[in-house]
Amino acid sequence: MRTCLIAVCLGACTWALAQAPPPWGDPFSLDESAAYQCARADKPITIDGKLDEPAWAAAQQIEHFMVPPAMDWISFQMTRARRARSLTRAKLIWDDKYLYLGAEMEDRDITCVTPKGHDLPFGADDIVELFIKPSDEQPWYWEIHIVPSGGTRDYFYARRGAGSDKRWMPGESGMKAAVTLSGTFDDWTDRDNEWIAEMRIPWSAFDKWGAPPCRGRTDDTEQ
């Protein structure tokens, strides 16, 4: 199973860029001058899993994803964090109604046993997970998932460790998502190439807790 985790702290967004900036560098940097630039889309985005609108081409690209430490059950030792060997490219854009995520994942064996649908339990699937946390000062956050079948999940967590996932699943974001595949999922006998995920989350999802970003607002401004 391959998991792609993308964390977003909602703060400020930029207007559309004249040309695509260079790929975003170290994902662990706290330097505000090196922050990811989330560009504004000047035309509607169709959620079809293709990422073919001009706004996607102009968006800054997130790369250099990491494989986190995990237990190696052969050596019975924890592995060390390392750069991912296969390439993942992710982008974020926005307009007046939505925050958008697009992600392209190289994958030679796309794995997905969960059917298309919303808020279904996931098995051992390849997955993209988007974490959205409006404030460093407050504990709440959103978690948005999509798998290669097009299956989706979304959660609102008031805080970590406050009960099972089922407790937070009723919190609907109003997300919409789509995928395209270059290959077949759950068939280990062939070689796949990649899968692409595209999703949007309405700004209205954040109205009750945290509020969406706006000009002049930082992530710890109370609303």
C-alpha atoms as a PDB file:
ATOM      1  CA  MET A   1       0.000   0.000   0.000  1.00  0.00           C
ATOM      2  CA  ARG A   2       1.253   3.449  -0.877  1.00  0.00           C
ATOM      3  CA  THR A   3       0.048   6.456   1.074  1.00  0.00           C
ATOM      4  CA  CYS A   4       0.541  10.035  -0.040  1.00  0.00           C
ATOM      5  CA  LEU A   5       0.075  12.524   2.820  1.00  0.00           C
ATOM      6  CA  ILE A   6      -0.361  16.220   2.141  1.00  0.00           C
ATOM      7  CA  ALA A   7      -0.757  18.626   5.050  1.00  0.00           C
ATOM      8  CA  VAL A   8      -2.067  22.157   4.626  1.00  0.00           C
ATOM      9  CA  CYS A   9      -2.167  24.958   7.181  1.00  0.00           C
ATOM     10  CA  LEU A  10      -4.720  27.461   5.923  1.00  0.00           C
ATOM     11  CA  GLY A  11      -3.239  30.906   6.049  1.00  0.00           C
ATOM     12  CA  ALA A  12      -2.868  33.188   3.056  1.00  0.00           C
ATOM     13  CA  CYS A  13      -3.321  32.440  -0.646  1.00  0.00           C
ATOM     14  CA  THR A  14      -1.769  34.228  -3.602  1.00  0.00           C
ATOM     15  CA  TRP A  15      -3.330  35.447  -6.829  1.00  0.00           C
ATOM     16  CA  ALA A  16      -2.735  33.554 -10.069  1.00  0.00           C
ATOM     17  CA  LEU A  17       0.918  33.445 -11.099  1.00  0.00           C
ATOM     18  CA  ALA A  18       2.116  34.596 -14.501  1.00  0.00           C
ATOM     19  CA  GLN A  19       4.178  31.433 -14.848  1.00  0.00           C
ATOM     20  CA  ALA A  20       4.711  28.309 -12.796  1.00  0.00           C
ATOM     21  CA  PRO A  21       7.202  28.832  -9.934  1.00  0.00           C
ATOM     22  CA  PRO A  22       9.900  26.234  -9.274  1.00  0.00           C
ATOM     23  CA  PRO A  23       8.942  23.031  -7.447  1.00  0.00           C
ATOM     24  CA  TRP A  24       8.442  23.490  -3.732  1.00  0.00           C
ATOM     25  CA  GLY A  25      11.420  22.313  -1.718  1.00  0.00           C
ATOM     26  CA  ASP A  26      11.792  20.969   1.807  1.00  0.00           C
ATOM     27  CA  PRO A  27       8.313  20.083   3.164  1.00  0.00           C
ATOM     28  CA  PHE A  28       9.558  20.469   6.740  1.00  0.00           C
ATOM     29  CA  SER A  29      10.719  24.064   6.466  1.00  0.00           C
ATOM     30  CA  LEU A  30       9.113  26.574   8.861  1.00  0.00           C
ATOM     31  CA  ASP A  31      10.563  29.525   6.988  1.00  0.00           C
ATOM     32  CA  GLU A  32       7.621  31.677   5.885  1.00  0.00           C
ATOM     33  CA  SER A  33       9.604  33.030   2.936  1.00  0.00           C
ATOM     34  CA  ALA A  34       9.843  29.462   1.615  1.00  0.00           C
ATOM     35  CA  ALA A  35       6.131  28.712   2.040  1.00  0.00           C
ATOM     36  CA  TYR A  36       4.186  26.992  -0.718  1.00  0.00           C
ATOM     37  CA  GLN A  37       2.352  29.399  -3.020  1.00  0.00           C
ATOM     38  CA  CYS A  38      -1.286  28.413  -3.493  1.00  0.00           C
ATOM     39  CA  ALA A  39      -2.321  30.229  -6.675  1.00  0.00           C
ATOM     40  CA  ARG A  40      -5.803  31.445  -7.560  1.00  0.00           C
ATOM     41  CA  ALA A  41      -7.614  29.833 -10.493  1.00  0.00           C
ATOM     42  CA  ASP A  42      -9.247  32.432 -12.725  1.00  0.00           C
ATOM     43  CA  LYS A  43     -11.593  29.933 -14.410  1.00  0.00           C
ATOM     44  CA  PRO A  44     -13.749  27.060 -13.078  1.00  0.00           C
ATOM     45  CA  ILE A  45     -12.010  23.716 -12.520  1.00  0.00           C
ATOM     46  CA  THR A  46     -13.716  20.554 -13.783  1.00  0.00           C
ATOM     47  CA  ILE A  47     -13.241  17.651 -11.355  1.00  0.00           C
ATOM     48  CA  ASP A  48     -12.456  14.831 -13.788  1.00  0.00           C
ATOM     49  CA  GLY A  49      -9.048  13.561 -12.673  1.00  0.00           C
ATOM     50  CA  LYS A  50      -7.204  15.072 -15.645  1.00  0.00           C
ATOM     51  CA  LEU A  51      -5.518  18.257 -14.318  1.00  0.00           C
ATOM     52  CA  ASP A  52      -5.667  19.782 -17.806  1.00  0.00           C
ATOM     53  CA  GLU A  53      -6.831  23.325 -16.959  1.00  0.00           C
ATOM     54  CA  PRO A  54      -4.264  26.167 -17.350  1.00  0.00           C
ATOM     55  CA  ALA A  55      -4.449  26.869 -13.595  1.00  0.00           C
ATOM     56  CA  TRP A  56      -2.907  23.467 -12.850  1.00  0.00           C
ATOM     57  CA  ALA A  57      -0.039  24.130 -15.272  1.00  0.00           C
ATOM     58  CA  ALA A  58       0.676  27.455 -13.526  1.00  0.00           C
ATOM     59  CA  ALA A  59       0.503  26.051  -9.983  1.00  0.00           C
ATOM     60  CA  GLN A  60       3.596  25.451  -7.890  1.00  0.00           C
ATOM     61  CA  GLN A  61       4.492  21.772  -7.666  1.00  0.00           C
ATOM     62  CA  ILE A  62       5.012  19.945  -4.372  1.00  0.00           C
ATOM     63  CA  GLU A  63       7.715  17.279  -4.564  1.00  0.00           C
ATOM     64  CA  HIS A  64      10.263  15.565  -2.307  1.00  0.00           C
ATOM     65  CA  PHE A  65       7.756  13.423  -0.424  1.00  0.00           C
ATOM     66  CA  MET A  66       9.069  11.324   2.439  1.00  0.00           C
ATOM     67  CA  VAL A  67       8.484   7.717   3.494  1.00  0.00           C
ATOM     68  CA  PRO A  68       7.965   7.899   7.295  1.00  0.00           C
ATOM     69  CA  PRO A  69       9.583   5.476   9.765  1.00  0.00           C
ATOM     70  CA  ALA A  70       7.860   2.100  10.079  1.00  0.00           C
ATOM     71  CA  MET A  71       8.449  -1.259  11.718  1.00  0.00           C
ATOM     72  CA  ASP A  72      10.415  -3.701   9.574  1.00  0.00           C
ATOM     73  CA  TRP A  73       8.908  -7.015  10.684  1.00  0.00           C
ATOM     74  CA  ILE A  74      11.778  -8.998   9.152  1.00  0.00           C
ATOM     75  CA  SER A  75      14.570  -7.263  11.066  1.00  0.00           C
ATOM     76  CA  PHE A  76      12.289  -6.170  13.944  1.00  0.00           C
ATOM     77  CA  GLN A  77      13.704  -2.669  13.762  1.00  0.00           C
ATOM     78  CA  MET A  78      12.227   0.713  12.952  1.00  0.00           C
ATOM     79  CA  THR A  79      13.233   2.017   9.544  1.00  0.00           C
ATOM     80  CA  ARG A  80      14.491   5.553   9.095  1.00  0.00           C
ATOM     81  CA  ALA A  81      12.619   8.249   7.180  1.00  0.00           C
ATOM     82  CA  ARG A  82      13.777   8.486   3.577  1.00  0.00           C
ATOM     83  CA  ARG A  83      12.927  10.175   0.316  1.00  0.00           C
ATOM     84  CA  ALA A  84      10.296   8.339  -1.709  1.00  0.00           C
ATOM     85  CA  ARG A  85      11.737   6.374  -4.640  1.00  0.00           C
ATOM     86  CA  SER A  86       8.704   6.824  -6.883  1.00  0.00           C
ATOM     87  CA  LEU A  87       7.669  10.330  -7.923  1.00  0.00           C
ATOM     88  CA  THR A  88       4.634  12.117  -6.530  1.00  0.00           C
ATOM     89  CA  ARG A  89       3.662  15.565  -7.774  1.00  0.00           C
ATOM     90  CA  ALA A  90       0.953  17.492  -5.931  1.00  0.00           C
ATOM     91  CA  LYS A  91      -0.535  20.949  -6.473  1.00  0.00           C
ATOM     92  CA  LEU A  92      -3.017  23.194  -4.687  1.00  0.00           C
ATOM     93  CA  ILE A  93      -5.093  25.996  -6.202  1.00  0.00           C
ATOM     94  CA  TRP A  94      -8.178  27.910  -5.110  1.00  0.00           C
ATOM     95  CA  ASP A  95     -11.031  30.124  -6.267  1.00  0.00           C
ATOM     96  CA  ASP A  96     -13.842  31.948  -4.511  1.00  0.00           C
ATOM     97  CA  LYS A  97     -15.761  28.733  -3.756  1.00  0.00           C
ATOM     98  CA  TYR A  98     -13.231  25.917  -3.431  1.00  0.00           C
ATOM     99  CA  LEU A  99      -9.799  24.688  -2.425  1.00  0.00           C
ATOM    100  CA  TYR A 100      -8.468  22.214  -5.023  1.00  0.00           C
ATOM    101  CA  LEU A 101      -5.892  19.434  -4.801  1.00  0.00           C
ATOM    102  CA  GLY A 102      -4.334  17.653  -7.760  1.00  0.00           C
ATOM    103  CA  ALA A 103      -1.861  14.793  -7.335  1.00  0.00           C
ATOM    104  CA  GLU A 104      -0.017  12.552  -9.810  1.00  0.00           C
ATOM    105  CA  MET A 105       1.488   9.360  -8.372  1.00  0.00           C
ATOM    106  CA  GLU A 106       3.888   7.085 -10.216  1.00  0.00           C
ATOM    107  CA  ASP A 107       2.893   3.544  -9.278  1.00  0.00           C
ATOM    108  CA  ARG A 108       3.925   0.252 -10.872  1.00  0.00           C
ATOM    109  CA  ASP A 109       1.292  -1.746  -8.975  1.00  0.00           C
ATOM    110  CA  ILE A 110      -1.860   0.243  -8.202  1.00  0.00           C
ATOM    111  CA  THR A 111      -3.628  -1.403  -5.273  1.00  0.00           C
ATOM    112  CA  CYS A 112      -7.266  -0.779  -4.388  1.00  0.00           C
ATOM    113  CA  VAL A 113      -9.876  -3.184  -3.050  1.00  0.00           C
ATOM    114  CA  THR A 114     -12.389  -0.539  -1.899  1.00  0.00           C
ATOM    115  CA  PRO A 115     -15.201   0.199  -4.386  1.00  0.00           C
ATOM    116  CA  LYS A 116     -16.177   3.677  -5.491  1.00  0.00           C
ATOM    117  CA  GLY A 117     -18.388   5.405  -2.930  1.00  0.00           C
ATOM    118  CA  HIS A 118     -18.241   7.833  -0.035  1.00  0.00           C
ATOM    119  CA  ASP A 119     -17.309   7.110   3.578  1.00  0.00           C
ATOM    120  CA  LEU A 120     -16.747   3.383   2.993  1.00  0.00           C
ATOM    121  CA  PRO A 121     -14.156   1.571   5.141  1.00  0.00           C
ATOM    122  CA  PHE A 122     -10.869   1.375   3.248  1.00  0.00           C
ATOM    123  CA  GLY A 123      -8.808  -1.768   2.951  1.00  0.00           C
ATOM    124  CA  ALA A 124      -5.135  -2.037   1.991  1.00  0.00           C
ATOM    125  CA  ASP A 125      -5.470   0.622  -0.715  1.00  0.00           C
ATOM    126  CA  ASP A 126      -3.149   3.124  -2.310  1.00  0.00           C
ATOM    127  CA  ILE A 127      -4.445   6.413  -0.991  1.00  0.00           C
ATOM    128  CA  VAL A 128      -4.045  10.186  -1.032  1.00  0.00           C
ATOM    129  CA  GLU A 129      -4.726  11.877   2.308  1.00  0.00           C
ATOM    130  CA  LEU A 130      -5.110  15.638   2.624  1.00  0.00           C
ATOM    131  CA  PHE A 131      -4.896  17.117   6.130  1.00  0.00           C
ATOM    132  CA  ILE A 132      -6.217  20.651   6.580  1.00  0.00           C
ATOM    133  CA  LYS A 133      -5.508  22.458   9.849  1.00  0.00           C
ATOM    134  CA  PRO A 134      -6.508  26.137  10.013  1.00  0.00           C
ATOM    135  CA  SER A 135      -4.617  27.018  13.189  1.00  0.00           C
ATOM    136  CA  ASP A 136      -1.520  26.022  15.128  1.00  0.00           C
ATOM    137  CA  GLU A 137      -3.275  27.297  18.251  1.00  0.00           C
ATOM    138  CA  GLN A 138      -6.408  25.139  17.991  1.00  0.00           C
ATOM    139  CA  PRO A 139      -6.600  21.313  17.859  1.00  0.00           C
ATOM    140  CA  TRP A 140      -9.262  20.751  15.194  1.00  0.00           C
ATOM    141  CA  TYR A 141      -8.486  19.649  11.643  1.00  0.00           C
ATOM    142  CA  TRP A 142      -9.985  17.993   8.564  1.00  0.00           C
ATOM    143  CA  GLU A 143      -8.811  14.789   6.890  1.00  0.00           C
ATOM    144  CA  ILE A 144      -9.786  14.122   3.253  1.00  0.00           C
ATOM    145  CA  HIS A 145      -9.083  10.782   1.490  1.00  0.00           C
ATOM    146  CA  ILE A 146      -9.327   9.376  -2.025  1.00  0.00           C
ATOM    147  CA  VAL A 147      -8.314   5.948  -3.411  1.00  0.00           C
ATOM    148  CA  PRO A 148      -7.775   4.755  -7.029  1.00  0.00           C
ATOM    149  CA  SER A 149     -11.354   3.472  -7.424  1.00  0.00           C
ATOM    150  CA  GLY A 150     -12.625   7.000  -6.794  1.00  0.00           C
ATOM    151  CA  GLY A 151     -13.756   6.105  -3.274  1.00  0.00           C
ATOM    152  CA  THR A 152     -13.627   9.020  -0.833  1.00  0.00           C
ATOM    153  CA  ARG A 153     -13.791   9.756   2.889  1.00  0.00           C
ATOM    154  CA  ASP A 154     -13.783  12.957   4.885  1.00  0.00           C
ATOM    155  CA  TYR A 155     -13.503  13.531   8.622  1.00  0.00           C
ATOM    156  CA  PHE A 156     -13.646  16.491  10.949  1.00  0.00           C
ATOM    157  CA  TYR A 157     -11.583  15.836  14.100  1.00  0.00           C
ATOM    158  CA  ALA A 158     -12.098  18.096  17.106  1.00  0.00           C
ATOM    159  CA  ARG A 159      -8.743  16.860  18.387  1.00  0.00           C
ATOM    160  CA  ARG A 160      -6.427  13.884  18.056  1.00  0.00           C
ATOM    161  CA  GLY A 161      -7.046  10.867  20.252  1.00  0.00           C
ATOM    162  CA  ALA A 162     -10.657  11.796  21.060  1.00  0.00           C
ATOM    163  CA  GLY A 163     -12.332   8.588  19.880  1.00  0.00           C
ATOM    164  CA  SER A 164     -12.421   6.265  16.875  1.00  0.00           C
ATOM    165  CA  ASP A 165     -12.604   7.392  13.258  1.00  0.00           C
ATOM    166  CA  LYS A 166     -16.295   6.433  13.095  1.00  0.00           C
ATOM    167  CA  ARG A 167     -17.057   9.174  15.602  1.00  0.00           C
ATOM    168  CA  TRP A 168     -15.780  11.865  13.208  1.00  0.00           C
ATOM    169  CA  MET A 169     -16.958  10.478   9.857  1.00  0.00           C
ATOM    170  CA  PRO A 170     -20.421  12.179   9.966  1.00  0.00           C
ATOM    171  CA  GLY A 171     -18.731  15.558   9.516  1.00  0.00           C
ATOM    172  CA  GLU A 172     -19.274  16.130   5.774  1.00  0.00           C
ATOM    173  CA  SER A 173     -17.035  18.597   3.937  1.00  0.00           C
ATOM    174  CA  GLY A 174     -18.988  18.659   0.676  1.00  0.00           C
ATOM    175  CA  MET A 175     -15.924  17.370  -1.180  1.00  0.00           C
ATOM    176  CA  LYS A 176     -15.982  16.182  -4.783  1.00  0.00           C
ATOM    177  CA  ALA A 177     -13.232  14.025  -6.309  1.00  0.00           C
ATOM    178  CA  ALA A 178     -12.285  12.043  -9.415  1.00  0.00           C
ATOM    179  CA  VAL A 179      -9.391   9.823 -10.522  1.00  0.00           C
ATOM    180  CA  THR A 180      -7.844   8.614 -13.765  1.00  0.00           C
ATOM    181  CA  LEU A 181      -5.628   5.544 -14.066  1.00  0.00           C
ATOM    182  CA  SER A 182      -2.781   4.596 -16.341  1.00  0.00           C
ATOM    183  CA  GLY A 183      -2.979   0.932 -15.467  1.00  0.00           C
ATOM    184  CA  THR A 184      -5.342  -1.369 -13.568  1.00  0.00           C
ATOM    185  CA  PHE A 185      -5.820  -1.582  -9.851  1.00  0.00           C
ATOM    186  CA  ASP A 186      -5.498  -4.762  -7.806  1.00  0.00           C
ATOM    187  CA  ASP A 187      -3.856  -6.769 -10.598  1.00  0.00           C
ATOM    188  CA  TRP A 188      -0.307  -7.686  -9.633  1.00  0.00           C
ATOM    189  CA  THR A 189       0.346  -9.514 -12.935  1.00  0.00           C
ATOM    190  CA  ASP A 190       0.677  -6.328 -15.017  1.00  0.00           C
ATOM    191  CA  ARG A 191       2.794  -3.187 -14.717  1.00  0.00           C
ATOM    192  CA  ASP A 192       0.984   0.082 -14.095  1.00  0.00           C
ATOM    193  CA  ASN A 193       2.254   3.617 -14.672  1.00  0.00           C
ATOM    194  CA  GLU A 194       0.429   6.161 -12.520  1.00  0.00           C
ATOM    195  CA  TRP A 195      -2.856   7.386 -11.132  1.00  0.00           C
ATOM    196  CA  ILE A 196      -4.101  10.950 -10.857  1.00  0.00           C
ATOM    197  CA  ALA A 197      -6.401  12.299  -8.153  1.00  0.00           C
ATOM    198  CA  GLU A 198      -8.280  15.597  -8.343  1.00  0.00           C
ATOM    199  CA  MET A 199     -10.548  16.959  -5.621  1.00  0.00           C
ATOM    200  CA  ARG A 200     -12.191  20.112  -4.371  1.00  0.00           C
ATOM    201  CA  ILE A 201     -13.340  21.130  -0.897  1.00  0.00           C
ATOM    202  CA  PRO A 202     -15.779  24.054  -0.553  1.00  0.00           C
ATOM    203  CA  TRP A 203     -14.654  26.934   1.647  1.00  0.00           C
ATOM    204  CA  SER A 204     -18.032  26.625   3.373  1.00  0.00           C
ATOM    205  CA  ALA A 205     -16.702  23.458   5.058  1.00  0.00           C
ATOM    206  CA  PHE A 206     -14.585  25.726   7.284  1.00  0.00           C
ATOM    207  CA  ASP A 207     -17.284  28.260   8.171  1.00  0.00           C
ATOM    208  CA  LYS A 208     -18.075  26.772  11.572  1.00  0.00           C
ATOM    209  CA  TRP A 209     -14.540  25.960  12.723  1.00  0.00           C
ATOM    210  CA  GLY A 210     -11.521  28.040  11.827  1.00  0.00           C
ATOM    211  CA  ALA A 211     -13.007  29.958   8.847  1.00  0.00           C
ATOM    212  CA  PRO A 212     -11.390  30.033   5.379  1.00  0.00           C
ATOM    213  CA  PRO A 213      -8.265  32.097   4.667  1.00  0.00           C
ATOM    214  CA  CYS A 214      -8.550  35.650   3.413  1.00  0.00           C
ATOM    215  CA  ARG A 215      -6.283  38.606   2.692  1.00  0.00           C
ATOM    216  CA  GLY A 216      -4.654  39.951   5.826  1.00  0.00           C
ATOM    217  CA  ARG A 217      -5.637  36.946   7.934  1.00  0.00           C
ATOM    218  CA  THR A 218      -3.066  34.656   9.522  1.00  0.00           C
ATOM    219  CA  ASP A 219      -3.727  31.124  10.694  1.00  0.00           C
ATOM    220  CA  ASP A 220      -4.105  32.151  14.334  1.00  0.00           C
ATOM    221  CA  THR A 221      -6.587  35.005  13.772  1.00  0.00           C
ATOM    222  CA  GLU A 222      -9.801  34.377  15.677  1.00  0.00           C
ATOM    223  CA  GLN A 223     -13.030  34.501  13.671  1.00  0.00           C
END
